[in-house]
Amino acid sequence: MNEDRRPSALPILISVLLALVLSKVMLPDPLALLRPAMVPMIVFYWLLMVPDKFGLTMAALLGLVVDVLTGTLLGAHAFALTVSGYLVARMALIVRFWPAWQQSLALLPIWGLYAFLMFWIDGVTHRNADALLRFAPVLTTAVAWPVLCSVMSWARPPAEDT
Protein backbone atom coordinates (compact mmCIF):
# COMPACT_ATOMS: atom_id res chain seq x y z
CA MET A 1 0.00 0.00 0.00
CA ASN A 2 2.93 2.31 0.63
CA GLU A 3 3.96 1.87 -3.02
CA ASP A 4 0.68 3.48 -4.11
CA ARG A 5 1.51 6.65 -2.21
CA ARG A 6 4.92 7.20 -3.78
CA PRO A 7 4.91 9.73 -6.58
CA SER A 8 6.31 8.78 -9.94
CA ALA A 9 9.34 10.52 -11.36
CA LEU A 10 7.27 12.02 -14.18
CA PRO A 11 6.01 15.08 -12.24
CA ILE A 12 9.57 15.77 -11.11
CA LEU A 13 10.88 15.54 -14.66
CA ILE A 14 8.10 17.72 -16.08
CA SER A 15 8.51 20.40 -13.42
CA VAL A 16 12.30 20.47 -13.80
CA LEU A 17 12.08 20.78 -17.59
CA LEU A 18 9.45 23.49 -17.28
CA ALA A 19 11.63 25.39 -14.79
CA LEU A 20 14.60 25.17 -17.15
CA VAL A 21 12.51 26.47 -20.06
CA LEU A 22 10.98 29.29 -18.02
CA SER A 23 14.39 30.35 -16.75
CA LYS A 24 15.67 30.68 -20.34
CA VAL A 25 12.73 32.68 -21.72
CA MET A 26 14.00 36.08 -22.82
CA LEU A 27 12.38 38.99 -20.99
CA PRO A 28 12.87 42.74 -21.23
CA ASP A 29 15.26 44.11 -18.61
CA PRO A 30 12.58 45.52 -16.26
CA LEU A 31 10.74 42.19 -16.26
CA ALA A 32 13.95 40.19 -15.91
CA LEU A 33 14.33 41.70 -12.45
CA LEU A 34 10.96 40.24 -11.48
CA ARG A 35 11.64 36.71 -12.73
CA PRO A 36 11.63 34.26 -9.82
CA ALA A 37 14.52 31.84 -9.49
CA MET A 38 12.60 28.95 -11.05
CA VAL A 39 15.24 26.22 -10.84
CA PRO A 40 16.10 26.75 -7.16
CA MET A 41 12.40 27.01 -6.39
CA ILE A 42 11.68 23.63 -8.02
CA VAL A 43 14.75 22.06 -6.41
CA PHE A 44 13.71 23.28 -2.97
CA TYR A 45 10.13 22.14 -3.55
CA TRP A 46 11.14 18.58 -4.35
CA LEU A 47 13.74 18.50 -1.58
CA LEU A 48 10.99 19.43 0.86
CA MET A 49 8.24 17.19 -0.47
CA VAL A 50 10.02 14.00 -1.56
CA PRO A 51 13.59 14.01 -0.24
CA ASP A 52 13.90 10.27 -0.86
CA LYS A 53 13.32 10.73 -4.62
CA PHE A 54 15.01 14.09 -5.15
CA GLY A 55 18.19 14.55 -3.15
CA LEU A 56 21.29 16.68 -3.17
CA THR A 57 22.80 14.64 -5.99
CA MET A 58 19.88 15.56 -8.22
CA ALA A 59 20.25 19.20 -7.14
CA ALA A 60 23.94 19.14 -8.10
CA LEU A 61 23.24 17.48 -11.46
CA LEU A 62 20.50 19.98 -12.21
CA GLY A 63 22.93 22.75 -11.27
CA LEU A 64 25.39 21.41 -13.84
CA VAL A 65 22.63 21.45 -16.46
CA VAL A 66 21.88 25.09 -15.59
CA ASP A 67 25.60 25.89 -15.86
CA VAL A 68 25.74 24.39 -19.34
CA LEU A 69 22.54 26.14 -20.46
CA THR A 70 23.56 29.56 -19.14
CA GLY A 71 27.25 29.40 -19.99
CA THR A 72 28.36 30.17 -16.46
CA LEU A 73 31.37 28.65 -14.77
CA LEU A 74 30.85 24.89 -14.73
CA GLY A 75 29.89 23.94 -11.20
CA ALA A 76 28.75 27.38 -10.02
CA HIS A 77 25.02 26.65 -9.96
CA ALA A 78 25.75 23.09 -8.85
CA PHE A 79 27.69 24.40 -5.85
CA ALA A 80 25.06 27.01 -4.94
CA LEU A 81 22.16 24.56 -5.33
CA THR A 82 23.94 21.89 -3.29
CA VAL A 83 24.87 24.20 -0.41
CA SER A 84 21.46 25.86 -0.22
CA GLY A 85 19.71 22.55 -0.90
CA TYR A 86 21.52 20.99 2.04
CA LEU A 87 19.97 23.58 4.34
CA VAL A 88 16.53 22.93 2.86
CA ALA A 89 16.97 19.17 3.29
CA ARG A 90 17.99 19.67 6.93
CA MET A 91 14.82 21.56 7.73
CA ALA A 92 12.50 19.52 5.48
CA LEU A 93 10.87 17.46 8.22
CA ILE A 94 9.73 20.58 10.04
CA VAL A 95 8.98 23.01 7.21
CA ARG A 96 7.15 20.52 4.98
CA PHE A 97 4.00 20.72 7.10
CA TRP A 98 3.83 24.49 7.43
CA PRO A 99 1.49 26.60 5.32
CA ALA A 100 3.03 27.80 2.06
CA TRP A 101 3.39 31.40 3.20
CA GLN A 102 5.36 30.31 6.28
CA GLN A 103 7.52 28.05 4.13
CA SER A 104 8.17 31.04 1.91
CA LEU A 105 9.37 33.11 4.86
CA ALA A 106 11.52 30.25 6.15
CA LEU A 107 13.10 29.72 2.72
CA LEU A 108 13.71 33.43 2.08
CA PRO A 109 17.17 33.45 3.75
CA ILE A 110 18.14 30.32 1.83
CA TRP A 111 17.17 31.90 -1.49
CA GLY A 112 19.23 34.87 -0.35
CA LEU A 113 22.16 32.54 0.33
CA TYR A 114 21.80 31.03 -3.14
CA ALA A 115 21.82 34.51 -4.71
CA PHE A 116 24.82 35.52 -2.58
CA LEU A 117 26.78 32.40 -3.56
CA MET A 118 26.15 33.10 -7.25
CA PHE A 119 27.10 36.77 -6.75
CA TRP A 120 30.26 35.73 -4.91
CA ILE A 121 31.25 33.24 -7.62
CA ASP A 122 30.72 35.95 -10.24
CA GLY A 123 33.00 38.25 -8.25
CA VAL A 124 35.72 35.66 -7.76
CA THR A 125 35.73 34.84 -11.47
CA HIS A 126 35.80 38.55 -12.42
CA ARG A 127 32.43 38.49 -14.17
CA ASN A 128 30.34 41.63 -14.15
CA ALA A 129 27.57 40.83 -11.73
CA ASP A 130 24.82 43.33 -11.13
CA ALA A 131 23.74 42.97 -7.50
CA LEU A 132 20.18 44.00 -8.33
CA LEU A 133 19.90 41.25 -10.96
CA ARG A 134 21.09 38.70 -8.40
CA PHE A 135 19.10 39.78 -5.36
CA ALA A 136 15.78 41.10 -6.75
CA PRO A 137 14.63 37.58 -7.69
CA VAL A 138 14.95 36.55 -4.04
CA LEU A 139 11.84 38.55 -3.15
CA THR A 140 9.87 37.53 -6.22
CA THR A 141 10.74 33.89 -5.55
CA ALA A 142 9.38 34.23 -2.02
CA VAL A 143 6.17 35.72 -3.40
CA ALA A 144 5.89 33.01 -6.07
CA TRP A 145 6.44 30.12 -3.62
CA PRO A 146 2.80 29.85 -2.43
CA VAL A 147 1.66 29.92 -6.06
CA LEU A 148 4.10 27.13 -6.92
CA CYS A 149 2.91 25.06 -3.95
CA SER A 150 -0.72 25.34 -5.00
CA VAL A 151 0.08 24.53 -8.65
CA MET A 152 2.30 21.59 -7.68
CA SER A 153 -0.27 20.09 -5.33
CA TRP A 154 -1.32 17.77 -8.17
CA ALA A 155 2.07 16.07 -7.99
CA ARG A 156 2.40 15.90 -4.23
CA PRO A 157 2.00 12.46 -2.68
CA PRO A 158 -1.08 12.07 -0.48
CA ALA A 159 -0.57 12.50 3.24
CA GLU A 160 -0.15 9.45 5.43
CA ASP A 161 -3.20 8.50 7.50
CA THR A 162 -2.28 8.35 11.15
C-alpha atoms as a PDB file:
ATOM      1  CA  MET A   1       0.000   0.000   0.000  1.00  0.00           C
ATOM      2  CA  ASN A   2       2.934   2.308   0.629  1.00  0.00           C
ATOM      3  CA  GLU A   3       3.965   1.873  -3.022  1.00  0.00           C
ATOM      4  CA  ASP A   4       0.681   3.479  -4.113  1.00  0.00           C
ATOM      5  CA  ARG A   5       1.505   6.651  -2.206  1.00  0.00           C
ATOM      6  CA  ARG A   6       4.924   7.199  -3.775  1.00  0.00           C
ATOM      7  CA  PRO A   7       4.913   9.732  -6.582  1.00  0.00           C
ATOM      8  CA  SER A   8       6.314   8.780  -9.939  1.00  0.00           C
ATOM      9  CA  ALA A   9       9.342  10.520 -11.362  1.00  0.00           C
ATOM     10  CA  LEU A  10       7.267  12.019 -14.184  1.00  0.00           C
ATOM     11  CA  PRO A  11       6.009  15.084 -12.240  1.00  0.00           C
ATOM     12  CA  ILE A  12       9.571  15.775 -11.105  1.00  0.00           C
ATOM     13  CA  LEU A  13      10.876  15.544 -14.660  1.00  0.00           C
ATOM     14  CA  ILE A  14       8.096  17.725 -16.084  1.00  0.00           C
ATOM     15  CA  SER A  15       8.508  20.405 -13.421  1.00  0.00           C
ATOM     16  CA  VAL A  16      12.301  20.474 -13.796  1.00  0.00           C
ATOM     17  CA  LEU A  17      12.075  20.776 -17.589  1.00  0.00           C
ATOM     18  CA  LEU A  18       9.445  23.491 -17.280  1.00  0.00           C
ATOM     19  CA  ALA A  19      11.627  25.392 -14.793  1.00  0.00           C
ATOM     20  CA  LEU A  20      14.600  25.171 -17.154  1.00  0.00           C
ATOM     21  CA  VAL A  21      12.514  26.469 -20.062  1.00  0.00           C
ATOM     22  CA  LEU A  22      10.983  29.293 -18.018  1.00  0.00           C
ATOM     23  CA  SER A  23      14.394  30.347 -16.747  1.00  0.00           C
ATOM     24  CA  LYS A  24      15.670  30.676 -20.336  1.00  0.00           C
ATOM     25  CA  VAL A  25      12.727  32.679 -21.724  1.00  0.00           C
ATOM     26  CA  MET A  26      14.002  36.082 -22.816  1.00  0.00           C
ATOM     27  CA  LEU A  27      12.375  38.988 -20.995  1.00  0.00           C
ATOM     28  CA  PRO A  28      12.868  42.745 -21.230  1.00  0.00           C
ATOM     29  CA  ASP A  29      15.257  44.114 -18.607  1.00  0.00           C
ATOM     30  CA  PRO A  30      12.577  45.521 -16.258  1.00  0.00           C
ATOM     31  CA  LEU A  31      10.741  42.188 -16.260  1.00  0.00           C
ATOM     32  CA  ALA A  32      13.947  40.186 -15.906  1.00  0.00           C
ATOM     33  CA  LEU A  33      14.332  41.704 -12.449  1.00  0.00           C
ATOM     34  CA  LEU A  34      10.962  40.243 -11.484  1.00  0.00           C
ATOM     35  CA  ARG A  35      11.641  36.709 -12.728  1.00  0.00           C
ATOM     36  CA  PRO A  36      11.625  34.263  -9.816  1.00  0.00           C
ATOM     37  CA  ALA A  37      14.517  31.841  -9.494  1.00  0.00           C
ATOM     38  CA  MET A  38      12.604  28.950 -11.052  1.00  0.00           C
ATOM     39  CA  VAL A  39      15.237  26.220 -10.843  1.00  0.00           C
ATOM     40  CA  PRO A  40      16.103  26.747  -7.156  1.00  0.00           C
ATOM     41  CA  MET A  41      12.395  27.006  -6.391  1.00  0.00           C
ATOM     42  CA  ILE A  42      11.675  23.632  -8.018  1.00  0.00           C
ATOM     43  CA  VAL A  43      14.752  22.058  -6.415  1.00  0.00           C
ATOM     44  CA  PHE A  44      13.708  23.281  -2.969  1.00  0.00           C
ATOM     45  CA  TYR A  45      10.131  22.142  -3.545  1.00  0.00           C
ATOM     46  CA  TRP A  46      11.141  18.581  -4.354  1.00  0.00           C
ATOM     47  CA  LEU A  47      13.744  18.501  -1.579  1.00  0.00           C
ATOM     48  CA  LEU A  48      10.989  19.426   0.864  1.00  0.00           C
ATOM     49  CA  MET A  49       8.243  17.191  -0.471  1.00  0.00           C
ATOM     50  CA  VAL A  50      10.025  13.997  -1.560  1.00  0.00           C
ATOM     51  CA  PRO A  51      13.586  14.014  -0.236  1.00  0.00           C
ATOM     52  CA  ASP A  52      13.895  10.273  -0.859  1.00  0.00           C
ATOM     53  CA  LYS A  53      13.318  10.728  -4.617  1.00  0.00           C
ATOM     54  CA  PHE A  54      15.012  14.088  -5.145  1.00  0.00           C
ATOM     55  CA  GLY A  55      18.187  14.553  -3.153  1.00  0.00           C
ATOM     56  CA  LEU A  56      21.292  16.679  -3.173  1.00  0.00           C
ATOM     57  CA  THR A  57      22.802  14.638  -5.994  1.00  0.00           C
ATOM     58  CA  MET A  58      19.875  15.564  -8.218  1.00  0.00           C
ATOM     59  CA  ALA A  59      20.253  19.199  -7.144  1.00  0.00           C
ATOM     60  CA  ALA A  60      23.940  19.140  -8.103  1.00  0.00           C
ATOM     61  CA  LEU A  61      23.242  17.480 -11.462  1.00  0.00           C
ATOM     62  CA  LEU A  62      20.501  19.984 -12.207  1.00  0.00           C
ATOM     63  CA  GLY A  63      22.934  22.753 -11.274  1.00  0.00           C
ATOM     64  CA  LEU A  64      25.387  21.410 -13.840  1.00  0.00           C
ATOM     65  CA  VAL A  65      22.630  21.449 -16.459  1.00  0.00           C
ATOM     66  CA  VAL A  66      21.885  25.088 -15.592  1.00  0.00           C
ATOM     67  CA  ASP A  67      25.605  25.892 -15.861  1.00  0.00           C
ATOM     68  CA  VAL A  68      25.737  24.394 -19.337  1.00  0.00           C
ATOM     69  CA  LEU A  69      22.540  26.140 -20.457  1.00  0.00           C
ATOM     70  CA  THR A  70      23.557  29.559 -19.145  1.00  0.00           C
ATOM     71  CA  GLY A  71      27.245  29.403 -19.992  1.00  0.00           C
ATOM     72  CA  THR A  72      28.363  30.168 -16.461  1.00  0.00           C
ATOM     73  CA  LEU A  73      31.374  28.653 -14.769  1.00  0.00           C
ATOM     74  CA  LEU A  74      30.852  24.892 -14.727  1.00  0.00           C
ATOM     75  CA  GLY A  75      29.887  23.945 -11.202  1.00  0.00           C
ATOM     76  CA  ALA A  76      28.754  27.383 -10.025  1.00  0.00           C
ATOM     77  CA  HIS A  77      25.024  26.645  -9.964  1.00  0.00           C
ATOM     78  CA  ALA A  78      25.749  23.090  -8.850  1.00  0.00           C
ATOM     79  CA  PHE A  79      27.687  24.403  -5.845  1.00  0.00           C
ATOM     80  CA  ALA A  80      25.064  27.006  -4.942  1.00  0.00           C
ATOM     81  CA  LEU A  81      22.162  24.558  -5.329  1.00  0.00           C
ATOM     82  CA  THR A  82      23.941  21.890  -3.294  1.00  0.00           C
ATOM     83  CA  VAL A  83      24.872  24.199  -0.411  1.00  0.00           C
ATOM     84  CA  SER A  84      21.463  25.859  -0.224  1.00  0.00           C
ATOM     85  CA  GLY A  85      19.705  22.555  -0.904  1.00  0.00           C
ATOM     86  CA  TYR A  86      21.520  20.988   2.044  1.00  0.00           C
ATOM     87  CA  LEU A  87      19.973  23.584   4.336  1.00  0.00           C
ATOM     88  CA  VAL A  88      16.533  22.934   2.857  1.00  0.00           C
ATOM     89  CA  ALA A  89      16.970  19.175   3.290  1.00  0.00           C
ATOM     90  CA  ARG A  90      17.994  19.671   6.926  1.00  0.00           C
ATOM     91  CA  MET A  91      14.815  21.560   7.726  1.00  0.00           C
ATOM     92  CA  ALA A  92      12.497  19.521   5.485  1.00  0.00           C
ATOM     93  CA  LEU A  93      10.868  17.456   8.223  1.00  0.00           C
ATOM     94  CA  ILE A  94       9.731  20.577  10.038  1.00  0.00           C
ATOM     95  CA  VAL A  95       8.979  23.010   7.211  1.00  0.00           C
ATOM     96  CA  ARG A  96       7.146  20.521   4.984  1.00  0.00           C
ATOM     97  CA  PHE A  97       4.000  20.717   7.098  1.00  0.00           C
ATOM     98  CA  TRP A  98       3.833  24.495   7.431  1.00  0.00           C
ATOM     99  CA  PRO A  99       1.493  26.602   5.319  1.00  0.00           C
ATOM    100  CA  ALA A 100       3.035  27.795   2.059  1.00  0.00           C
ATOM    101  CA  TRP A 101       3.386  31.404   3.198  1.00  0.00           C
ATOM    102  CA  GLN A 102       5.356  30.306   6.281  1.00  0.00           C
ATOM    103  CA  GLN A 103       7.515  28.050   4.127  1.00  0.00           C
ATOM    104  CA  SER A 104       8.172  31.041   1.907  1.00  0.00           C
ATOM    105  CA  LEU A 105       9.372  33.111   4.858  1.00  0.00           C
ATOM    106  CA  ALA A 106      11.523  30.252   6.148  1.00  0.00           C
ATOM    107  CA  LEU A 107      13.095  29.719   2.724  1.00  0.00           C
ATOM    108  CA  LEU A 108      13.711  33.428   2.084  1.00  0.00           C
ATOM    109  CA  PRO A 109      17.169  33.453   3.746  1.00  0.00           C
ATOM    110  CA  ILE A 110      18.145  30.320   1.834  1.00  0.00           C
ATOM    111  CA  TRP A 111      17.168  31.898  -1.490  1.00  0.00           C
ATOM    112  CA  GLY A 112      19.229  34.874  -0.350  1.00  0.00           C
ATOM    113  CA  LEU A 113      22.157  32.543   0.326  1.00  0.00           C
ATOM    114  CA  TYR A 114      21.798  31.030  -3.142  1.00  0.00           C
ATOM    115  CA  ALA A 115      21.824  34.508  -4.706  1.00  0.00           C
ATOM    116  CA  PHE A 116      24.819  35.516  -2.582  1.00  0.00           C
ATOM    117  CA  LEU A 117      26.780  32.405  -3.563  1.00  0.00           C
ATOM    118  CA  MET A 118      26.154  33.100  -7.248  1.00  0.00           C
ATOM    119  CA  PHE A 119      27.096  36.771  -6.748  1.00  0.00           C
ATOM    120  CA  TRP A 120      30.261  35.734  -4.908  1.00  0.00           C
ATOM    121  CA  ILE A 121      31.250  33.242  -7.625  1.00  0.00           C
ATOM    122  CA  ASP A 122      30.720  35.955 -10.237  1.00  0.00           C
ATOM    123  CA  GLY A 123      33.004  38.254  -8.252  1.00  0.00           C
ATOM    124  CA  VAL A 124      35.719  35.660  -7.758  1.00  0.00           C
ATOM    125  CA  THR A 125      35.732  34.840 -11.471  1.00  0.00           C
ATOM    126  CA  HIS A 126      35.798  38.548 -12.418  1.00  0.00           C
ATOM    127  CA  ARG A 127      32.435  38.493 -14.168  1.00  0.00           C
ATOM    128  CA  ASN A 128      30.344  41.629 -14.149  1.00  0.00           C
ATOM    129  CA  ALA A 129      27.571  40.830 -11.734  1.00  0.00           C
ATOM    130  CA  ASP A 130      24.817  43.330 -11.126  1.00  0.00           C
ATOM    131  CA  ALA A 131      23.736  42.968  -7.504  1.00  0.00           C
ATOM    132  CA  LEU A 132      20.183  44.003  -8.333  1.00  0.00           C
ATOM    133  CA  LEU A 133      19.904  41.254 -10.963  1.00  0.00           C
ATOM    134  CA  ARG A 134      21.094  38.701  -8.405  1.00  0.00           C
ATOM    135  CA  PHE A 135      19.104  39.784  -5.360  1.00  0.00           C
ATOM    136  CA  ALA A 136      15.777  41.104  -6.750  1.00  0.00           C
ATOM    137  CA  PRO A 137      14.627  37.577  -7.689  1.00  0.00           C
ATOM    138  CA  VAL A 138      14.948  36.551  -4.036  1.00  0.00           C
ATOM    139  CA  LEU A 139      11.841  38.550  -3.148  1.00  0.00           C
ATOM    140  CA  THR A 140       9.870  37.526  -6.220  1.00  0.00           C
ATOM    141  CA  THR A 141      10.743  33.893  -5.551  1.00  0.00           C
ATOM    142  CA  ALA A 142       9.385  34.227  -2.019  1.00  0.00           C
ATOM    143  CA  VAL A 143       6.171  35.723  -3.399  1.00  0.00           C
ATOM    144  CA  ALA A 144       5.894  33.011  -6.071  1.00  0.00           C
ATOM    145  CA  TRP A 145       6.441  30.123  -3.623  1.00  0.00           C
ATOM    146  CA  PRO A 146       2.802  29.845  -2.430  1.00  0.00           C
ATOM    147  CA  VAL A 147       1.656  29.919  -6.058  1.00  0.00           C
ATOM    148  CA  LEU A 148       4.096  27.129  -6.917  1.00  0.00           C
ATOM    149  CA  CYS A 149       2.913  25.062  -3.948  1.00  0.00           C
ATOM    150  CA  SER A 150      -0.716  25.336  -5.005  1.00  0.00           C
ATOM    151  CA  VAL A 151       0.085  24.528  -8.645  1.00  0.00           C
ATOM    152  CA  MET A 152       2.302  21.594  -7.685  1.00  0.00           C
ATOM    153  CA  SER A 153      -0.267  20.089  -5.325  1.00  0.00           C
ATOM    154  CA  TRP A 154      -1.316  17.765  -8.172  1.00  0.00           C
ATOM    155  CA  ALA A 155       2.070  16.066  -7.991  1.00  0.00           C
ATOM    156  CA  ARG A 156       2.399  15.899  -4.226  1.00  0.00           C
ATOM    157  CA  PRO A 157       1.995  12.463  -2.683  1.00  0.00           C
ATOM    158  CA  PRO A 158      -1.081  12.074  -0.483  1.00  0.00           C
ATOM    159  CA  ALA A 159      -0.567  12.502   3.244  1.00  0.00           C
ATOM    160  CA  GLU A 160      -0.155   9.454   5.430  1.00  0.00           C
ATOM    161  CA  ASP A 161      -3.203   8.497   7.503  1.00  0.00           C
ATOM    162  CA  THR A 162      -2.279   8.346  11.153  1.00  0.00           C
END
